Amino acid sequence: MVYTIAAYHDIGHSIDAKNHETVSAKILLEDKELRKYFKEDEIKIMSEAVEDHRASLEYEPRSIYGKIVSSADRNTNIEIPFKRTYEYRIKHYGNTSLKQIIDESYEHLLSKFGKKGYATEKMYFEDIDYKNFLEEIATLLENRSEFNKRYIEINRLQKDIIKSSIESKIQFNE
């Protein structure tokens, strides 16, 4: 059951990223092939676990399966949220300035991983790697200049900053 939940938990992301957990749960529920391997009550539990895996949900997962997949869905590499926030903003707000992209990414990560962030307290199992990740990202969020520096490094934006600086100087001098 856990493997099935893991396979379905983000399947709806390409359909509706903001509500992917609900879409993914619906896809699992509607998959007729699963009935060859699971009983209806097991499919219901798996669907609920898929829906419950998202860290931003207000409630605790309804079953041990939801807690397992929610916990396993965490990343412990600082580069991942930095790259995801950048790529998301480029994809959805391509004409945004680099400063605005960094500022919005910072605010998002602060709401998620800051002192009262929604992803900092939902630990259903002991996870030293996740605790270390939370400490590392919290340290960066407390030092804005270090955060900006790491964000630029991780997303390889040095060239963009130099190019932007040169272009603004050229336009300024014209």
N, C-alpha and C. Protein backbone atom coordinates (compact mmCIF):
# COMPACT_ATOMS: atom_id res chain seq x y z
N MET A 1 0.82 -1.20 0.00
CA MET A 1 0.00 0.00 0.00
C MET A 1 0.86 1.26 0.00
N VAL A 2 1.92 1.25 0.78
CA VAL A 2 2.80 2.43 0.84
C VAL A 2 3.42 2.72 -0.53
N TYR A 3 3.86 1.68 -1.22
CA TYR A 3 4.44 1.89 -2.55
C TYR A 3 3.42 2.47 -3.52
N THR A 4 2.20 2.01 -3.44
CA THR A 4 1.14 2.52 -4.31
C THR A 4 0.87 3.99 -3.99
N ILE A 5 0.78 4.31 -2.72
CA ILE A 5 0.56 5.70 -2.29
C ILE A 5 1.70 6.57 -2.80
N ALA A 6 2.92 6.09 -2.64
CA ALA A 6 4.09 6.86 -3.09
C ALA A 6 4.03 7.09 -4.61
N ALA A 7 3.59 6.08 -5.34
CA ALA A 7 3.51 6.21 -6.80
C ALA A 7 2.47 7.24 -7.23
N TYR A 8 1.39 7.38 -6.47
CA TYR A 8 0.29 8.27 -6.84
C TYR A 8 0.37 9.66 -6.21
N HIS A 9 1.16 9.84 -5.17
CA HIS A 9 1.03 11.05 -4.35
C HIS A 9 1.21 12.36 -5.10
N ASP A 10 2.01 12.42 -6.14
CA ASP A 10 2.20 13.67 -6.89
C ASP A 10 1.75 13.56 -8.34
N ILE A 11 1.04 12.51 -8.68
CA ILE A 11 0.66 12.27 -10.08
C ILE A 11 -0.23 13.39 -10.63
N GLY A 12 -0.97 14.07 -9.78
CA GLY A 12 -1.85 15.15 -10.22
C GLY A 12 -1.17 16.50 -10.31
N HIS A 13 0.12 16.54 -10.02
CA HIS A 13 0.85 17.81 -10.00
C HIS A 13 0.82 18.53 -11.34
N SER A 14 0.92 17.80 -12.44
CA SER A 14 0.93 18.43 -13.76
C SER A 14 -0.47 18.91 -14.17
N ILE A 15 -1.48 18.43 -13.50
CA ILE A 15 -2.86 18.83 -13.80
C ILE A 15 -3.22 20.09 -13.02
N ASP A 16 -2.89 20.11 -11.72
CA ASP A 16 -3.23 21.24 -10.85
C ASP A 16 -2.26 21.24 -9.67
N ALA A 17 -1.18 21.98 -9.81
CA ALA A 17 -0.12 21.98 -8.79
C ALA A 17 -0.63 22.40 -7.42
N LYS A 18 -1.52 23.39 -7.37
CA LYS A 18 -1.99 23.91 -6.08
C LYS A 18 -2.91 22.93 -5.35
N ASN A 19 -3.56 22.06 -6.09
CA ASN A 19 -4.48 21.09 -5.49
C ASN A 19 -4.09 19.66 -5.88
N HIS A 20 -2.81 19.46 -6.11
CA HIS A 20 -2.37 18.17 -6.65
C HIS A 20 -2.70 16.99 -5.75
N GLU A 21 -2.72 17.20 -4.45
CA GLU A 21 -3.01 16.10 -3.55
C GLU A 21 -4.45 15.59 -3.73
N THR A 22 -5.39 16.50 -3.97
CA THR A 22 -6.79 16.12 -4.19
C THR A 22 -6.95 15.44 -5.55
N VAL A 23 -6.30 16.02 -6.57
CA VAL A 23 -6.35 15.44 -7.91
C VAL A 23 -5.72 14.05 -7.91
N SER A 24 -4.58 13.92 -7.26
CA SER A 24 -3.89 12.62 -7.19
C SER A 24 -4.75 11.57 -6.49
N ALA A 25 -5.40 11.97 -5.40
CA ALA A 25 -6.27 11.04 -4.66
C ALA A 25 -7.43 10.58 -5.54
N LYS A 26 -7.99 11.50 -6.31
CA LYS A 26 -9.10 11.17 -7.21
C LYS A 26 -8.64 10.19 -8.31
N ILE A 27 -7.46 10.43 -8.85
CA ILE A 27 -6.92 9.52 -9.88
C ILE A 27 -6.75 8.12 -9.31
N LEU A 28 -6.22 8.04 -8.09
CA LEU A 28 -6.06 6.73 -7.45
C LEU A 28 -7.42 6.07 -7.26
N LEU A 29 -8.40 6.81 -6.76
CA LEU A 29 -9.74 6.25 -6.52
C LEU A 29 -10.39 5.73 -7.80
N GLU A 30 -10.12 6.41 -8.91
CA GLU A 30 -10.76 6.05 -10.18
C GLU A 30 -10.00 4.99 -10.98
N ASP A 31 -8.85 4.57 -10.49
CA ASP A 31 -8.06 3.56 -11.21
C ASP A 31 -8.66 2.17 -10.98
N LYS A 32 -9.32 1.68 -11.99
CA LYS A 32 -10.00 0.37 -11.91
C LYS A 32 -9.01 -0.78 -11.74
N GLU A 33 -7.81 -0.62 -12.27
CA GLU A 33 -6.79 -1.69 -12.18
C GLU A 33 -6.42 -2.00 -10.73
N LEU A 34 -6.48 -1.00 -9.85
CA LEU A 34 -6.11 -1.23 -8.45
C LEU A 34 -7.04 -2.22 -7.76
N ARG A 35 -8.26 -2.33 -8.25
CA ARG A 35 -9.22 -3.25 -7.64
C ARG A 35 -8.84 -4.71 -7.84
N LYS A 36 -7.91 -4.96 -8.75
CA LYS A 36 -7.39 -6.33 -8.92
C LYS A 36 -6.49 -6.73 -7.76
N TYR A 37 -5.92 -5.73 -7.09
CA TYR A 37 -4.91 -6.00 -6.07
C TYR A 37 -5.32 -5.58 -4.65
N PHE A 38 -6.30 -4.66 -4.57
CA PHE A 38 -6.68 -4.12 -3.25
C PHE A 38 -8.19 -4.14 -3.06
N LYS A 39 -8.58 -4.23 -1.80
CA LYS A 39 -10.00 -4.15 -1.43
C LYS A 39 -10.41 -2.67 -1.41
N GLU A 40 -11.71 -2.44 -1.43
CA GLU A 40 -12.22 -1.06 -1.45
C GLU A 40 -11.77 -0.24 -0.23
N ASP A 41 -11.76 -0.87 0.94
CA ASP A 41 -11.35 -0.12 2.14
C ASP A 41 -9.86 0.24 2.07
N GLU A 42 -9.04 -0.61 1.46
CA GLU A 42 -7.61 -0.31 1.28
C GLU A 42 -7.43 0.84 0.27
N ILE A 43 -8.22 0.83 -0.78
CA ILE A 43 -8.15 1.91 -1.78
C ILE A 43 -8.55 3.23 -1.14
N LYS A 44 -9.56 3.20 -0.30
CA LYS A 44 -9.99 4.42 0.41
C LYS A 44 -8.86 4.94 1.31
N ILE A 45 -8.23 4.06 2.05
CA ILE A 45 -7.12 4.45 2.94
C ILE A 45 -5.97 5.04 2.11
N MET A 46 -5.66 4.40 0.98
CA MET A 46 -4.57 4.91 0.12
C MET A 46 -4.93 6.27 -0.46
N SER A 47 -6.16 6.43 -0.87
CA SER A 47 -6.59 7.72 -1.41
C SER A 47 -6.48 8.82 -0.35
N GLU A 48 -6.90 8.53 0.85
CA GLU A 48 -6.80 9.50 1.95
C GLU A 48 -5.33 9.82 2.24
N ALA A 49 -4.48 8.82 2.20
CA ALA A 49 -3.05 9.05 2.47
C ALA A 49 -2.43 9.94 1.39
N VAL A 50 -2.81 9.73 0.14
CA VAL A 50 -2.34 10.58 -0.96
C VAL A 50 -2.79 12.02 -0.70
N GLU A 51 -4.04 12.18 -0.32
CA GLU A 51 -4.58 13.51 -0.06
C GLU A 51 -3.93 14.16 1.17
N ASP A 52 -3.55 13.34 2.14
CA ASP A 52 -3.01 13.86 3.41
C ASP A 52 -1.51 14.14 3.39
N HIS A 53 -0.80 13.82 2.32
CA HIS A 53 0.67 13.90 2.34
C HIS A 53 1.22 15.31 2.33
N ARG A 54 0.47 16.29 1.90
CA ARG A 54 0.97 17.65 1.68
C ARG A 54 1.29 18.34 3.01
N ALA A 55 2.47 18.91 3.10
CA ALA A 55 2.92 19.54 4.35
C ALA A 55 2.09 20.76 4.73
N SER A 56 1.51 21.44 3.75
CA SER A 56 0.77 22.68 4.05
C SER A 56 -0.65 22.43 4.54
N LEU A 57 -1.09 21.18 4.59
CA LEU A 57 -2.45 20.92 5.07
C LEU A 57 -2.55 21.25 6.56
N GLU A 58 -3.72 21.65 6.97
CA GLU A 58 -3.94 22.08 8.36
C GLU A 58 -4.09 20.92 9.33
N TYR A 59 -4.33 19.75 8.83
CA TYR A 59 -4.61 18.61 9.70
C TYR A 59 -3.52 17.55 9.60
N GLU A 60 -3.50 16.67 10.57
CA GLU A 60 -2.56 15.54 10.58
C GLU A 60 -3.11 14.43 9.69
N PRO A 61 -2.24 13.72 8.99
CA PRO A 61 -2.72 12.60 8.15
C PRO A 61 -3.61 11.64 8.94
N ARG A 62 -4.61 11.11 8.26
CA ARG A 62 -5.61 10.27 8.90
C ARG A 62 -5.13 8.87 9.24
N SER A 63 -4.02 8.44 8.65
CA SER A 63 -3.54 7.08 8.90
C SER A 63 -2.02 7.06 8.95
N ILE A 64 -1.50 5.95 9.39
CA ILE A 64 -0.04 5.76 9.41
C ILE A 64 0.52 5.86 8.00
N TYR A 65 -0.26 5.45 7.00
CA TYR A 65 0.20 5.52 5.62
C TYR A 65 0.41 6.97 5.18
N GLY A 66 -0.51 7.84 5.55
CA GLY A 66 -0.36 9.26 5.23
C GLY A 66 0.85 9.85 5.93
N LYS A 67 1.09 9.45 7.15
CA LYS A 67 2.25 9.95 7.89
C LYS A 67 3.55 9.46 7.26
N ILE A 68 3.57 8.23 6.82
CA ILE A 68 4.78 7.68 6.19
C ILE A 68 5.09 8.44 4.91
N VAL A 69 4.11 8.60 4.04
CA VAL A 69 4.36 9.25 2.76
C VAL A 69 4.63 10.74 2.95
N SER A 70 3.95 11.37 3.88
CA SER A 70 4.22 12.78 4.18
C SER A 70 5.65 12.96 4.66
N SER A 71 6.09 12.11 5.53
CA SER A 71 7.45 12.19 6.05
C SER A 71 8.49 11.87 4.98
N ALA A 72 8.21 10.88 4.16
CA ALA A 72 9.15 10.50 3.10
C ALA A 72 9.22 11.55 1.99
N ASP A 73 8.20 12.38 1.88
CA ASP A 73 8.12 13.37 0.81
C ASP A 73 8.96 14.62 1.11
N ARG A 74 9.57 14.67 2.25
CA ARG A 74 10.40 15.83 2.62
C ARG A 74 11.75 15.73 1.95
N ASN A 75 12.29 16.88 1.67
CA ASN A 75 13.65 16.85 1.15
C ASN A 75 14.60 17.29 2.26
N THR A 76 15.83 16.87 2.14
CA THR A 76 16.83 17.24 3.13
C THR A 76 18.03 17.92 2.47
N ASN A 77 17.86 18.32 1.22
CA ASN A 77 18.93 18.98 0.47
C ASN A 77 18.53 20.44 0.29
N ILE A 78 19.30 21.35 0.80
CA ILE A 78 18.99 22.78 0.77
C ILE A 78 18.81 23.30 -0.65
N GLU A 79 19.45 22.67 -1.61
CA GLU A 79 19.37 23.15 -2.99
C GLU A 79 17.98 22.95 -3.59
N ILE A 80 17.28 21.94 -3.17
CA ILE A 80 15.98 21.63 -3.80
C ILE A 80 14.95 22.74 -3.63
N PRO A 81 14.68 23.23 -2.41
CA PRO A 81 13.68 24.31 -2.33
C PRO A 81 14.15 25.61 -2.99
N PHE A 82 15.45 25.86 -3.01
CA PHE A 82 15.97 27.06 -3.67
C PHE A 82 15.73 26.97 -5.18
N LYS A 83 15.99 25.80 -5.76
CA LYS A 83 15.78 25.62 -7.20
C LYS A 83 14.30 25.59 -7.54
N ARG A 84 13.50 24.94 -6.71
CA ARG A 84 12.06 24.85 -6.99
C ARG A 84 11.40 26.23 -6.97
N THR A 85 11.75 27.05 -5.98
CA THR A 85 11.12 28.38 -5.91
C THR A 85 11.53 29.24 -7.09
N TYR A 86 12.78 29.12 -7.50
CA TYR A 86 13.25 29.88 -8.66
C TYR A 86 12.54 29.41 -9.94
N GLU A 87 12.54 28.11 -10.17
CA GLU A 87 11.93 27.57 -11.38
C GLU A 87 10.44 27.86 -11.45
N TYR A 88 9.76 27.81 -10.31
CA TYR A 88 8.33 28.11 -10.26
C TYR A 88 8.08 29.56 -10.68
N ARG A 89 8.87 30.46 -10.14
CA ARG A 89 8.66 31.88 -10.46
C ARG A 89 9.01 32.20 -11.91
N ILE A 90 10.03 31.58 -12.44
CA ILE A 90 10.39 31.78 -13.85
C ILE A 90 9.26 31.26 -14.74
N LYS A 91 8.74 30.08 -14.41
CA LYS A 91 7.69 29.48 -15.22
C LYS A 91 6.40 30.31 -15.19
N HIS A 92 6.01 30.77 -14.00
CA HIS A 92 4.72 31.44 -13.85
C HIS A 92 4.79 32.96 -13.94
N TYR A 93 5.94 33.53 -13.67
CA TYR A 93 6.09 34.99 -13.67
C TYR A 93 7.38 35.38 -14.37
N GLY A 94 7.53 34.97 -15.61
CA GLY A 94 8.78 35.13 -16.35
C GLY A 94 9.29 36.54 -16.49
N ASN A 95 8.42 37.52 -16.48
CA ASN A 95 8.85 38.91 -16.67
C ASN A 95 9.20 39.61 -15.37
N THR A 96 9.29 38.87 -14.30
CA THR A 96 9.59 39.42 -12.99
C THR A 96 11.08 39.70 -12.86
N SER A 97 11.41 40.76 -12.13
CA SER A 97 12.83 41.07 -11.92
C SER A 97 13.48 40.02 -11.03
N LEU A 98 14.78 39.89 -11.15
CA LEU A 98 15.52 38.93 -10.33
C LEU A 98 15.35 39.25 -8.85
N LYS A 99 15.38 40.52 -8.51
CA LYS A 99 15.19 40.91 -7.11
C LYS A 99 13.83 40.45 -6.60
N GLN A 100 12.79 40.64 -7.40
CA GLN A 100 11.46 40.22 -6.99
C GLN A 100 11.36 38.70 -6.87
N ILE A 101 12.01 37.98 -7.76
CA ILE A 101 12.02 36.51 -7.70
C ILE A 101 12.67 36.06 -6.39
N ILE A 102 13.80 36.66 -6.06
CA ILE A 102 14.50 36.28 -4.82
C ILE A 102 13.66 36.66 -3.60
N ASP A 103 13.07 37.86 -3.62
CA ASP A 103 12.23 38.30 -2.50
C ASP A 103 11.03 37.38 -2.29
N GLU A 104 10.35 37.02 -3.37
CA GLU A 104 9.17 36.15 -3.27
C GLU A 104 9.57 34.73 -2.84
N SER A 105 10.69 34.27 -3.33
CA SER A 105 11.19 32.95 -2.93
C SER A 105 11.51 32.95 -1.44
N TYR A 106 12.15 34.01 -0.98
CA TYR A 106 12.49 34.13 0.43
C TYR A 106 11.21 34.08 1.29
N GLU A 107 10.20 34.86 0.90
CA GLU A 107 8.95 34.91 1.67
C GLU A 107 8.27 33.53 1.71
N HIS A 108 8.28 32.85 0.57
CA HIS A 108 7.67 31.52 0.53
C HIS A 108 8.42 30.56 1.45
N LEU A 109 9.75 30.55 1.35
CA LEU A 109 10.54 29.63 2.17
C LEU A 109 10.44 29.99 3.65
N LEU A 110 10.32 31.26 3.96
CA LEU A 110 10.14 31.69 5.34
C LEU A 110 8.81 31.16 5.89
N SER A 111 7.75 31.25 5.09
CA SER A 111 6.45 30.76 5.56
C SER A 111 6.44 29.24 5.70
N LYS A 112 7.28 28.57 4.92
CA LYS A 112 7.31 27.11 4.97
C LYS A 112 8.31 26.59 6.01
N PHE A 113 9.50 27.18 6.07
CA PHE A 113 10.57 26.64 6.91
C PHE A 113 11.05 27.59 8.00
N GLY A 114 10.44 28.77 8.11
CA GLY A 114 10.82 29.72 9.16
C GLY A 114 10.43 29.19 10.54
N LYS A 115 10.64 30.00 11.57
CA LYS A 115 10.40 29.54 12.94
C LYS A 115 8.99 28.98 13.16
N LYS A 116 8.00 29.58 12.52
CA LYS A 116 6.64 29.07 12.67
C LYS A 116 6.12 28.56 11.33
N GLY A 117 7.01 28.07 10.51
CA GLY A 117 6.64 27.57 9.20
C GLY A 117 5.81 26.31 9.26
N TYR A 118 4.96 26.17 8.26
CA TYR A 118 4.02 25.04 8.27
C TYR A 118 4.71 23.69 8.07
N ALA A 119 5.94 23.65 7.59
CA ALA A 119 6.62 22.37 7.37
C ALA A 119 7.62 22.04 8.47
N THR A 120 7.66 22.84 9.52
CA THR A 120 8.67 22.61 10.55
C THR A 120 8.18 21.76 11.71
N GLU A 121 6.89 21.68 11.90
CA GLU A 121 6.39 20.99 13.08
C GLU A 121 5.74 19.64 12.79
N LYS A 122 5.52 19.33 11.54
CA LYS A 122 4.83 18.09 11.19
C LYS A 122 5.84 16.96 11.00
N MET A 123 6.41 16.53 12.10
CA MET A 123 7.36 15.43 12.05
C MET A 123 6.72 14.25 12.78
N TYR A 124 6.39 13.24 12.01
CA TYR A 124 5.69 12.09 12.57
C TYR A 124 6.64 10.98 13.00
N PHE A 125 7.89 11.09 12.53
CA PHE A 125 8.92 10.11 12.87
C PHE A 125 10.23 10.85 13.10
N GLU A 126 11.09 10.27 13.89
CA GLU A 126 12.42 10.86 14.13
C GLU A 126 13.19 10.90 12.81
N ASP A 127 13.70 12.07 12.46
CA ASP A 127 14.42 12.22 11.20
C ASP A 127 15.55 13.22 11.38
N ILE A 128 16.73 12.73 11.68
CA ILE A 128 17.89 13.59 11.92
C ILE A 128 18.25 14.41 10.69
N ASP A 129 18.18 13.80 9.51
CA ASP A 129 18.52 14.53 8.28
C ASP A 129 17.58 15.72 8.08
N TYR A 130 16.29 15.52 8.33
CA TYR A 130 15.33 16.61 8.17
C TYR A 130 15.56 17.69 9.23
N LYS A 131 15.87 17.29 10.46
CA LYS A 131 16.18 18.27 11.51
C LYS A 131 17.40 19.11 11.12
N ASN A 132 18.42 18.46 10.58
CA ASN A 132 19.62 19.19 10.13
C ASN A 132 19.28 20.14 8.99
N PHE A 133 18.45 19.69 8.06
CA PHE A 133 18.01 20.54 6.97
C PHE A 133 17.27 21.76 7.51
N LEU A 134 16.35 21.55 8.46
CA LEU A 134 15.59 22.66 9.03
C LEU A 134 16.51 23.67 9.72
N GLU A 135 17.53 23.17 10.41
CA GLU A 135 18.49 24.07 11.05
C GLU A 135 19.26 24.88 10.02
N GLU A 136 19.69 24.21 8.96
CA GLU A 136 20.46 24.91 7.91
C GLU A 136 19.63 25.97 7.21
N ILE A 137 18.40 25.64 6.86
CA ILE A 137 17.58 26.62 6.14
C ILE A 137 17.14 27.75 7.08
N ALA A 138 16.89 27.43 8.34
CA ALA A 138 16.53 28.48 9.32
C ALA A 138 17.68 29.48 9.47
N THR A 139 18.91 28.99 9.50
CA THR A 139 20.08 29.87 9.61
C THR A 139 20.15 30.80 8.41
N LEU A 140 19.90 30.28 7.22
CA LEU A 140 19.91 31.12 6.02
C LEU A 140 18.76 32.13 6.03
N LEU A 141 17.60 31.72 6.52
CA LEU A 141 16.46 32.63 6.57
C LEU A 141 16.66 33.74 7.59
N GLU A 142 17.49 33.52 8.58
CA GLU A 142 17.77 34.55 9.59
C GLU A 142 18.81 35.56 9.10
N ASN A 143 19.56 35.22 8.06
CA ASN A 143 20.59 36.11 7.52
C ASN A 143 20.28 36.36 6.05
N ARG A 144 19.59 37.45 5.78
CA ARG A 144 19.08 37.71 4.43
C ARG A 144 20.20 37.82 3.39
N SER A 145 21.30 38.44 3.72
CA SER A 145 22.37 38.57 2.73
C SER A 145 22.99 37.20 2.41
N GLU A 146 23.13 36.34 3.40
CA GLU A 146 23.64 34.99 3.16
C GLU A 146 22.62 34.18 2.35
N PHE A 147 21.33 34.36 2.66
CA PHE A 147 20.28 33.70 1.88
C PHE A 147 20.39 34.11 0.41
N ASN A 148 20.47 35.41 0.14
CA ASN A 148 20.56 35.90 -1.23
C ASN A 148 21.77 35.30 -1.94
N LYS A 149 22.89 35.30 -1.25
CA LYS A 149 24.14 34.77 -1.83
C LYS A 149 23.98 33.30 -2.21
N ARG A 150 23.45 32.49 -1.29
CA ARG A 150 23.26 31.05 -1.56
C ARG A 150 22.24 30.83 -2.66
N TYR A 151 21.17 31.61 -2.66
CA TYR A 151 20.13 31.49 -3.69
C TYR A 151 20.72 31.74 -5.07
N ILE A 152 21.53 32.77 -5.18
CA ILE A 152 22.19 33.12 -6.44
C ILE A 152 23.16 32.01 -6.86
N GLU A 153 23.94 31.51 -5.91
CA GLU A 153 24.90 30.44 -6.21
C GLU A 153 24.19 29.17 -6.66
N ILE A 154 23.21 28.74 -5.89
CA ILE A 154 22.51 27.48 -6.17
C ILE A 154 21.81 27.52 -7.53
N ASN A 155 21.24 28.66 -7.86
CA ASN A 155 20.52 28.79 -9.13
C ASN A 155 21.40 29.30 -10.27
N ARG A 156 22.70 29.42 -9.98
CA ARG A 156 23.68 29.83 -11.00
C ARG A 156 23.26 31.12 -11.70
N LEU A 157 22.95 32.11 -10.88
CA LEU A 157 22.43 33.38 -11.42
C LEU A 157 23.51 34.45 -11.55
N GLN A 158 24.75 34.12 -11.26
CA GLN A 158 25.81 35.12 -11.34
C GLN A 158 25.85 35.78 -12.72
N LYS A 159 25.76 34.98 -13.78
CA LYS A 159 25.80 35.52 -15.14
C LYS A 159 24.62 36.46 -15.37
N ASP A 160 23.43 36.08 -14.88
CA ASP A 160 22.25 36.92 -15.06
C ASP A 160 22.42 38.26 -14.36
N ILE A 161 23.01 38.23 -13.18
CA ILE A 161 23.20 39.47 -12.43
C ILE A 161 24.21 40.37 -13.15
N ILE A 162 25.30 39.80 -13.63
CA ILE A 162 26.30 40.58 -14.35
C ILE A 162 25.69 41.14 -15.63
N LYS A 163 24.97 40.31 -16.37
CA LYS A 163 24.33 40.74 -17.61
C LYS A 163 23.33 41.86 -17.33
N SER A 164 22.51 41.68 -16.31
CA SER A 164 21.52 42.69 -15.94
C SER A 164 22.19 44.00 -15.54
N SER A 165 23.28 43.90 -14.80
CA SER A 165 24.02 45.08 -14.38
C SER A 165 24.60 45.82 -15.57
N ILE A 166 25.18 45.09 -16.52
CA ILE A 166 25.76 45.70 -17.73
C ILE A 166 24.67 46.35 -18.56
N GLU A 167 23.54 45.64 -18.74
CA GLU A 167 22.45 46.20 -19.54
C GLU A 167 21.89 47.47 -18.92
N SER A 168 21.76 47.49 -17.60
CA SER A 168 21.23 48.69 -16.96
C SER A 168 22.22 49.85 -17.07
N LYS A 169 23.53 49.56 -17.03
CA LYS A 169 24.53 50.62 -17.21
C LYS A 169 24.50 51.16 -18.63
N ILE A 170 24.34 50.26 -19.62
CA ILE A 170 24.29 50.69 -21.02
C ILE A 170 23.06 51.56 -21.23
N GLN A 171 21.90 51.12 -20.71
CA GLN A 171 20.68 51.91 -20.88
C GLN A 171 20.79 53.24 -20.14
N PHE A 172 21.41 53.24 -19.00
CA PHE A 172 21.58 54.44 -18.20
C PHE A 172 22.47 55.46 -18.93
N ASN A 173 23.53 54.96 -19.62
CA ASN A 173 24.48 55.83 -20.29
C ASN A 173 23.99 56.33 -21.64
N GLU A 174 22.92 55.76 -22.17
CA GLU A 174 22.43 56.18 -23.51
C GLU A 174 21.72 57.49 -23.47
